Amino acid sequence: MRLLATGVLSATLILAGCAAPTGVITSSGSQVETRQMQTREYDTLDKRNTLRSVVSTLQDLGFVIDKADYDLATITATKVQNYEIRMTVTVRERDGKRLAVRANARFNSQTIDDPNAYQDFFISLDKAMFLTLHEVD
C-alpha cells in the first residue's frame, strides 16, 4: 500500500510540475545530508525581498500560502492535489554577508528526502531571486 501511495505521489507530482519523490519519502540519510539538500545560500542580506521571492516561487509551484511571518522569516505553504505536501521555508542570516534559505517538505508527517524535490524548488527560487535582484517584473 505504501509503495502504491509513493508511486501515485511520484506520478502526480511529475504531472503537476513539481519535483517528485522518486524513492522512499521518509528520511533515510543523515541529518547533515538532509540539511545540505534543503539549504541554499544567497549573496544578499535583503531578507524581505528574499521572502517575497520564496512566496512567489511557492505560488508558482502550486502551493497555497498558509502562513507568512516576516519577523520570524518563515513561510508555510500547502499543496493539495489528491495528496498533501506541506513546505516550510526559513530564511536566516549567515556570516553577516549572505542569507541561507532552508526548505523542509513533508508528505503527511514524513520528511521528503528526495533531492529532486528540493532541487526543483531552488531552481525556481534562483530564477525569482535573479529577477528580484535585477528588478524585473
N, C-alpha and C. Protein backbone atom coordinates (compact mmCIF):
# COMPACT_ATOMS: atom_id res chain seq x y z
N MET A 1 0.82 -1.19 0.00
CA MET A 1 0.00 0.00 0.00
C MET A 1 0.87 1.26 0.00
N ARG A 2 1.93 1.24 0.83
CA ARG A 2 2.80 2.41 0.91
C ARG A 2 3.54 2.62 -0.41
N LEU A 3 3.96 1.52 -1.05
CA LEU A 3 4.64 1.62 -2.34
C LEU A 3 3.69 2.20 -3.38
N LEU A 4 2.43 1.79 -3.35
CA LEU A 4 1.44 2.32 -4.28
C LEU A 4 1.24 3.81 -4.03
N ALA A 5 1.15 4.22 -2.77
CA ALA A 5 0.97 5.63 -2.44
C ALA A 5 2.17 6.45 -2.91
N THR A 6 3.37 5.91 -2.73
CA THR A 6 4.57 6.59 -3.19
C THR A 6 4.57 6.73 -4.70
N GLY A 7 4.17 5.67 -5.40
CA GLY A 7 4.11 5.71 -6.86
C GLY A 7 3.09 6.71 -7.36
N VAL A 8 1.92 6.73 -6.73
CA VAL A 8 0.87 7.69 -7.12
C VAL A 8 1.36 9.11 -6.85
N LEU A 9 1.99 9.32 -5.69
CA LEU A 9 2.52 10.63 -5.36
C LEU A 9 3.56 11.06 -6.38
N SER A 10 4.46 10.16 -6.74
CA SER A 10 5.50 10.49 -7.71
C SER A 10 4.91 10.89 -9.05
N ALA A 11 3.99 10.09 -9.55
CA ALA A 11 3.38 10.38 -10.84
C ALA A 11 2.60 11.70 -10.80
N THR A 12 1.87 11.93 -9.72
CA THR A 12 1.08 13.14 -9.60
C THR A 12 1.97 14.37 -9.53
N LEU A 13 3.06 14.28 -8.78
CA LEU A 13 3.96 15.42 -8.67
C LEU A 13 4.61 15.74 -10.01
N ILE A 14 5.00 14.72 -10.74
CA ILE A 14 5.61 14.94 -12.05
C ILE A 14 4.62 15.63 -12.96
N LEU A 15 3.39 15.15 -12.99
CA LEU A 15 2.37 15.75 -13.84
C LEU A 15 2.01 17.15 -13.41
N ALA A 16 2.14 17.44 -12.12
CA ALA A 16 1.79 18.76 -11.61
C ALA A 16 2.91 19.77 -11.79
N GLY A 17 4.07 19.34 -12.25
CA GLY A 17 5.17 20.26 -12.49
C GLY A 17 6.01 20.56 -11.28
N CYS A 18 5.87 19.78 -10.25
CA CYS A 18 6.68 19.94 -9.05
C CYS A 18 7.54 18.69 -8.92
N ALA A 19 8.65 18.82 -8.27
CA ALA A 19 9.55 17.69 -8.14
C ALA A 19 8.87 16.52 -7.45
N ALA A 20 9.16 15.34 -7.92
CA ALA A 20 8.52 14.15 -7.37
C ALA A 20 9.48 13.34 -6.53
N PRO A 21 9.01 12.88 -5.38
CA PRO A 21 9.83 11.94 -4.65
C PRO A 21 9.86 10.63 -5.42
N THR A 22 11.02 10.22 -5.89
CA THR A 22 11.10 9.02 -6.70
C THR A 22 11.38 7.79 -5.87
N GLY A 23 11.88 7.97 -4.68
CA GLY A 23 12.18 6.83 -3.83
C GLY A 23 11.33 6.90 -2.59
N VAL A 24 11.84 6.33 -1.55
CA VAL A 24 11.13 6.37 -0.28
C VAL A 24 11.12 7.80 0.21
N ILE A 25 9.99 8.23 0.76
CA ILE A 25 9.90 9.63 1.16
C ILE A 25 10.30 9.87 2.60
N THR A 26 10.54 8.83 3.34
CA THR A 26 10.98 9.04 4.72
C THR A 26 12.48 9.31 4.73
N SER A 27 12.88 10.01 5.74
CA SER A 27 14.29 10.37 5.85
C SER A 27 15.14 9.14 6.16
N SER A 28 16.10 8.86 5.27
CA SER A 28 16.96 7.71 5.48
C SER A 28 18.43 8.11 5.59
N GLY A 29 18.78 9.30 5.10
CA GLY A 29 20.16 9.75 5.17
C GLY A 29 20.43 10.43 6.50
N SER A 30 21.63 10.91 6.64
CA SER A 30 21.98 11.60 7.86
C SER A 30 21.33 12.98 7.87
N GLN A 31 21.24 13.57 9.05
CA GLN A 31 20.66 14.90 9.16
C GLN A 31 21.49 15.93 8.40
N VAL A 32 22.79 15.75 8.37
CA VAL A 32 23.67 16.68 7.65
C VAL A 32 23.38 16.62 6.16
N GLU A 33 23.23 15.42 5.60
CA GLU A 33 22.91 15.27 4.17
C GLU A 33 21.56 15.90 3.86
N THR A 34 20.60 15.67 4.73
CA THR A 34 19.26 16.22 4.52
C THR A 34 19.30 17.74 4.54
N ARG A 35 20.00 18.33 5.51
CA ARG A 35 20.11 19.78 5.58
C ARG A 35 20.81 20.37 4.37
N GLN A 36 21.82 19.67 3.87
CA GLN A 36 22.54 20.17 2.70
C GLN A 36 21.63 20.27 1.49
N MET A 37 20.77 19.28 1.29
CA MET A 37 19.89 19.34 0.12
C MET A 37 18.73 20.31 0.34
N GLN A 38 18.41 20.63 1.60
CA GLN A 38 17.31 21.52 1.91
C GLN A 38 17.73 22.99 1.96
N THR A 39 19.02 23.28 1.89
CA THR A 39 19.50 24.64 2.12
C THR A 39 20.30 25.16 0.94
N ARG A 40 20.09 26.43 0.65
CA ARG A 40 20.87 27.13 -0.37
C ARG A 40 21.18 28.52 0.16
N GLU A 41 22.38 29.01 -0.11
CA GLU A 41 22.77 30.34 0.36
C GLU A 41 22.78 31.32 -0.80
N TYR A 42 22.42 32.57 -0.48
CA TYR A 42 22.36 33.64 -1.47
C TYR A 42 23.18 34.82 -0.99
N ASP A 43 23.89 35.44 -1.90
CA ASP A 43 24.75 36.58 -1.58
C ASP A 43 23.93 37.87 -1.50
N THR A 44 23.10 37.94 -0.50
CA THR A 44 22.29 39.12 -0.24
C THR A 44 21.94 39.14 1.24
N LEU A 45 21.65 40.33 1.73
CA LEU A 45 21.15 40.47 3.09
C LEU A 45 19.73 41.03 3.09
N ASP A 46 19.11 41.11 1.91
CA ASP A 46 17.77 41.64 1.77
C ASP A 46 16.74 40.54 2.07
N LYS A 47 16.45 40.40 3.36
CA LYS A 47 15.56 39.33 3.81
C LYS A 47 14.14 39.50 3.27
N ARG A 48 13.66 40.73 3.23
CA ARG A 48 12.29 40.98 2.79
C ARG A 48 12.09 40.56 1.33
N ASN A 49 12.99 40.95 0.44
CA ASN A 49 12.87 40.56 -0.96
C ASN A 49 13.08 39.06 -1.15
N THR A 50 13.94 38.47 -0.34
CA THR A 50 14.13 37.02 -0.40
C THR A 50 12.84 36.30 -0.02
N LEU A 51 12.19 36.76 1.04
CA LEU A 51 10.93 36.16 1.46
C LEU A 51 9.84 36.34 0.40
N ARG A 52 9.82 37.49 -0.24
CA ARG A 52 8.87 37.71 -1.33
C ARG A 52 9.13 36.73 -2.48
N SER A 53 10.39 36.51 -2.78
CA SER A 53 10.74 35.56 -3.84
C SER A 53 10.32 34.14 -3.46
N VAL A 54 10.46 33.79 -2.18
CA VAL A 54 10.04 32.47 -1.71
C VAL A 54 8.53 32.32 -1.87
N VAL A 55 7.77 33.34 -1.48
CA VAL A 55 6.31 33.28 -1.61
C VAL A 55 5.91 33.10 -3.06
N SER A 56 6.48 33.90 -3.95
CA SER A 56 6.09 33.78 -5.37
C SER A 56 6.52 32.44 -5.97
N THR A 57 7.67 31.92 -5.53
CA THR A 57 8.11 30.61 -6.01
C THR A 57 7.14 29.51 -5.58
N LEU A 58 6.77 29.53 -4.31
CA LEU A 58 5.82 28.53 -3.82
C LEU A 58 4.49 28.63 -4.57
N GLN A 59 4.01 29.84 -4.79
CA GLN A 59 2.75 30.00 -5.51
C GLN A 59 2.88 29.52 -6.95
N ASP A 60 4.01 29.81 -7.59
CA ASP A 60 4.24 29.33 -8.96
C ASP A 60 4.25 27.81 -9.04
N LEU A 61 4.67 27.15 -7.97
CA LEU A 61 4.71 25.70 -7.93
C LEU A 61 3.38 25.08 -7.49
N GLY A 62 2.35 25.92 -7.30
CA GLY A 62 1.03 25.42 -6.97
C GLY A 62 0.72 25.32 -5.49
N PHE A 63 1.55 25.91 -4.66
CA PHE A 63 1.31 25.90 -3.22
C PHE A 63 0.41 27.07 -2.83
N VAL A 64 -0.35 26.89 -1.77
CA VAL A 64 -1.15 27.96 -1.18
C VAL A 64 -0.45 28.36 0.12
N ILE A 65 -0.21 29.64 0.27
CA ILE A 65 0.49 30.13 1.45
C ILE A 65 -0.44 30.05 2.65
N ASP A 66 -0.02 29.30 3.67
CA ASP A 66 -0.80 29.16 4.90
C ASP A 66 -0.45 30.25 5.90
N LYS A 67 0.85 30.52 6.00
CA LYS A 67 1.32 31.49 6.99
C LYS A 67 2.64 32.08 6.52
N ALA A 68 2.73 33.40 6.59
CA ALA A 68 3.99 34.09 6.26
C ALA A 68 4.29 35.04 7.39
N ASP A 69 5.38 34.81 8.07
CA ASP A 69 5.79 35.65 9.19
C ASP A 69 7.13 36.29 8.83
N TYR A 70 7.07 37.56 8.44
CA TYR A 70 8.29 38.24 8.01
C TYR A 70 9.24 38.52 9.17
N ASP A 71 8.70 38.66 10.38
CA ASP A 71 9.57 38.89 11.55
C ASP A 71 10.39 37.64 11.87
N LEU A 72 9.76 36.47 11.80
CA LEU A 72 10.46 35.22 12.05
C LEU A 72 11.13 34.66 10.79
N ALA A 73 10.83 35.27 9.65
CA ALA A 73 11.38 34.86 8.35
C ALA A 73 11.03 33.42 8.03
N THR A 74 9.75 33.07 8.23
CA THR A 74 9.27 31.72 7.99
C THR A 74 7.99 31.76 7.16
N ILE A 75 7.91 30.88 6.17
CA ILE A 75 6.73 30.77 5.33
C ILE A 75 6.32 29.30 5.28
N THR A 76 5.03 29.06 5.49
CA THR A 76 4.50 27.71 5.42
C THR A 76 3.43 27.68 4.34
N ALA A 77 3.49 26.66 3.49
CA ALA A 77 2.54 26.55 2.37
C ALA A 77 2.14 25.09 2.19
N THR A 78 0.96 24.90 1.59
CA THR A 78 0.44 23.56 1.36
C THR A 78 0.03 23.41 -0.09
N LYS A 79 0.29 22.24 -0.63
CA LYS A 79 -0.14 21.90 -1.99
C LYS A 79 -1.03 20.67 -1.88
N VAL A 80 -2.26 20.80 -2.37
CA VAL A 80 -3.22 19.70 -2.28
C VAL A 80 -3.73 19.39 -3.68
N GLN A 81 -3.42 18.20 -4.16
CA GLN A 81 -3.93 17.68 -5.43
C GLN A 81 -3.89 16.17 -5.31
N ASN A 82 -4.95 15.58 -4.74
CA ASN A 82 -5.01 14.14 -4.48
C ASN A 82 -3.97 13.71 -3.46
N TYR A 83 -3.25 14.62 -2.89
CA TYR A 83 -2.23 14.37 -1.88
C TYR A 83 -2.01 15.69 -1.18
N GLU A 84 -1.30 15.69 -0.09
CA GLU A 84 -0.98 16.94 0.59
C GLU A 84 0.50 17.00 0.89
N ILE A 85 1.12 18.07 0.43
CA ILE A 85 2.52 18.33 0.74
C ILE A 85 2.57 19.68 1.43
N ARG A 86 3.25 19.71 2.54
CA ARG A 86 3.43 20.96 3.28
C ARG A 86 4.91 21.32 3.23
N MET A 87 5.18 22.57 2.91
CA MET A 87 6.56 23.03 2.86
C MET A 87 6.71 24.24 3.77
N THR A 88 7.74 24.19 4.58
CA THR A 88 8.10 25.32 5.43
C THR A 88 9.47 25.82 4.98
N VAL A 89 9.55 27.11 4.73
CA VAL A 89 10.80 27.72 4.28
C VAL A 89 11.21 28.77 5.30
N THR A 90 12.47 28.70 5.71
CA THR A 90 13.01 29.64 6.70
C THR A 90 14.22 30.35 6.09
N VAL A 91 14.31 31.65 6.34
CA VAL A 91 15.43 32.45 5.84
C VAL A 91 16.21 32.97 7.04
N ARG A 92 17.50 32.72 7.05
CA ARG A 92 18.36 33.13 8.17
C ARG A 92 19.62 33.81 7.63
N GLU A 93 20.11 34.79 8.38
CA GLU A 93 21.36 35.44 8.02
C GLU A 93 22.52 34.51 8.33
N ARG A 94 23.50 34.50 7.44
CA ARG A 94 24.67 33.63 7.59
C ARG A 94 25.94 34.44 7.46
N ASP A 95 26.80 34.39 8.40
CA ASP A 95 28.12 35.04 8.37
C ASP A 95 28.05 36.55 8.16
N GLY A 96 26.90 37.17 8.38
CA GLY A 96 26.77 38.61 8.24
C GLY A 96 26.88 39.13 6.82
N LYS A 97 26.92 38.22 5.83
CA LYS A 97 27.04 38.67 4.44
C LYS A 97 26.17 37.93 3.44
N ARG A 98 25.39 36.95 3.90
CA ARG A 98 24.51 36.22 3.00
C ARG A 98 23.33 35.66 3.76
N LEU A 99 22.34 35.20 3.00
CA LEU A 99 21.16 34.58 3.60
C LEU A 99 21.11 33.11 3.23
N ALA A 100 20.74 32.30 4.20
CA ALA A 100 20.53 30.87 3.96
C ALA A 100 19.03 30.62 3.92
N VAL A 101 18.58 29.96 2.85
CA VAL A 101 17.18 29.60 2.69
C VAL A 101 17.08 28.09 2.88
N ARG A 102 16.25 27.67 3.83
CA ARG A 102 16.08 26.24 4.09
C ARG A 102 14.63 25.86 3.88
N ALA A 103 14.41 24.86 3.03
CA ALA A 103 13.07 24.36 2.74
C ALA A 103 12.91 22.97 3.34
N ASN A 104 11.79 22.74 3.99
CA ASN A 104 11.50 21.44 4.57
C ASN A 104 10.15 20.99 4.05
N ALA A 105 10.14 19.97 3.19
CA ALA A 105 8.90 19.46 2.61
C ALA A 105 8.49 18.19 3.33
N ARG A 106 7.19 18.08 3.58
CA ARG A 106 6.65 16.91 4.28
C ARG A 106 5.44 16.37 3.54
N PHE A 107 5.38 15.06 3.44
CA PHE A 107 4.21 14.36 2.93
C PHE A 107 3.59 13.66 4.13
N ASN A 108 2.36 14.06 4.47
CA ASN A 108 1.75 13.64 5.72
C ASN A 108 2.68 14.06 6.85
N SER A 109 3.21 13.16 7.64
CA SER A 109 4.10 13.57 8.73
C SER A 109 5.55 13.18 8.45
N GLN A 110 5.85 12.78 7.21
CA GLN A 110 7.19 12.30 6.89
C GLN A 110 7.94 13.30 6.01
N THR A 111 9.20 13.52 6.34
CA THR A 111 10.03 14.41 5.55
C THR A 111 10.31 13.81 4.19
N ILE A 112 10.18 14.63 3.16
CA ILE A 112 10.54 14.20 1.81
C ILE A 112 12.05 14.35 1.69
N ASP A 113 12.74 13.26 1.37
CA ASP A 113 14.19 13.34 1.30
C ASP A 113 14.71 13.13 -0.12
N ASP A 114 13.85 13.25 -1.11
CA ASP A 114 14.28 13.17 -2.50
C ASP A 114 14.94 14.49 -2.89
N PRO A 115 16.22 14.46 -3.26
CA PRO A 115 16.92 15.71 -3.60
C PRO A 115 16.27 16.46 -4.75
N ASN A 116 15.61 15.75 -5.67
CA ASN A 116 14.98 16.42 -6.82
C ASN A 116 13.87 17.37 -6.39
N ALA A 117 13.15 17.04 -5.33
CA ALA A 117 12.08 17.91 -4.85
C ALA A 117 12.66 19.26 -4.44
N TYR A 118 13.76 19.24 -3.73
CA TYR A 118 14.39 20.48 -3.27
C TYR A 118 15.12 21.17 -4.42
N GLN A 119 15.73 20.40 -5.28
CA GLN A 119 16.45 20.97 -6.41
C GLN A 119 15.50 21.78 -7.29
N ASP A 120 14.32 21.23 -7.58
CA ASP A 120 13.35 21.96 -8.40
C ASP A 120 12.87 23.23 -7.71
N PHE A 121 12.65 23.17 -6.41
CA PHE A 121 12.26 24.37 -5.66
C PHE A 121 13.35 25.43 -5.78
N PHE A 122 14.60 25.04 -5.55
CA PHE A 122 15.67 26.02 -5.57
C PHE A 122 15.98 26.54 -6.97
N ILE A 123 15.78 25.74 -7.99
CA ILE A 123 15.95 26.24 -9.37
C ILE A 123 14.94 27.36 -9.62
N SER A 124 13.70 27.14 -9.21
CA SER A 124 12.67 28.17 -9.37
C SER A 124 12.98 29.39 -8.51
N LEU A 125 13.45 29.16 -7.28
CA LEU A 125 13.79 30.27 -6.40
C LEU A 125 14.98 31.06 -6.96
N ASP A 126 15.96 30.37 -7.52
CA ASP A 126 17.11 31.06 -8.14
C ASP A 126 16.64 32.05 -9.20
N LYS A 127 15.71 31.60 -10.03
CA LYS A 127 15.17 32.48 -11.09
C LYS A 127 14.44 33.67 -10.48
N ALA A 128 13.63 33.42 -9.46
CA ALA A 128 12.90 34.51 -8.81
C ALA A 128 13.86 35.50 -8.15
N MET A 129 14.90 34.98 -7.52
CA MET A 129 15.90 35.85 -6.87
C MET A 129 16.61 36.69 -7.91
N PHE A 130 16.95 36.11 -9.05
CA PHE A 130 17.61 36.84 -10.13
C PHE A 130 16.73 37.97 -10.62
N LEU A 131 15.44 37.66 -10.85
CA LEU A 131 14.51 38.68 -11.34
C LEU A 131 14.31 39.79 -10.31
N THR A 132 14.26 39.44 -9.04
CA THR A 132 14.11 40.44 -7.98
C THR A 132 15.36 41.32 -7.91
N LEU A 133 16.52 40.69 -7.98
CA LEU A 133 17.78 41.43 -7.91
C LEU A 133 17.90 42.44 -9.05
N HIS A 134 17.42 42.04 -10.22
CA HIS A 134 17.51 42.91 -11.39
C HIS A 134 16.23 43.71 -11.63
N GLU A 135 15.35 43.69 -10.62
CA GLU A 135 14.11 44.48 -10.63
C GLU A 135 13.29 44.28 -11.89
N VAL A 136 13.13 43.02 -12.28
CA VAL A 136 12.32 42.66 -13.43
C VAL A 136 10.97 42.19 -12.92
N ASP A 137 9.88 42.75 -13.45
CA ASP A 137 8.54 42.33 -13.01
C ASP A 137 8.00 41.26 -13.92
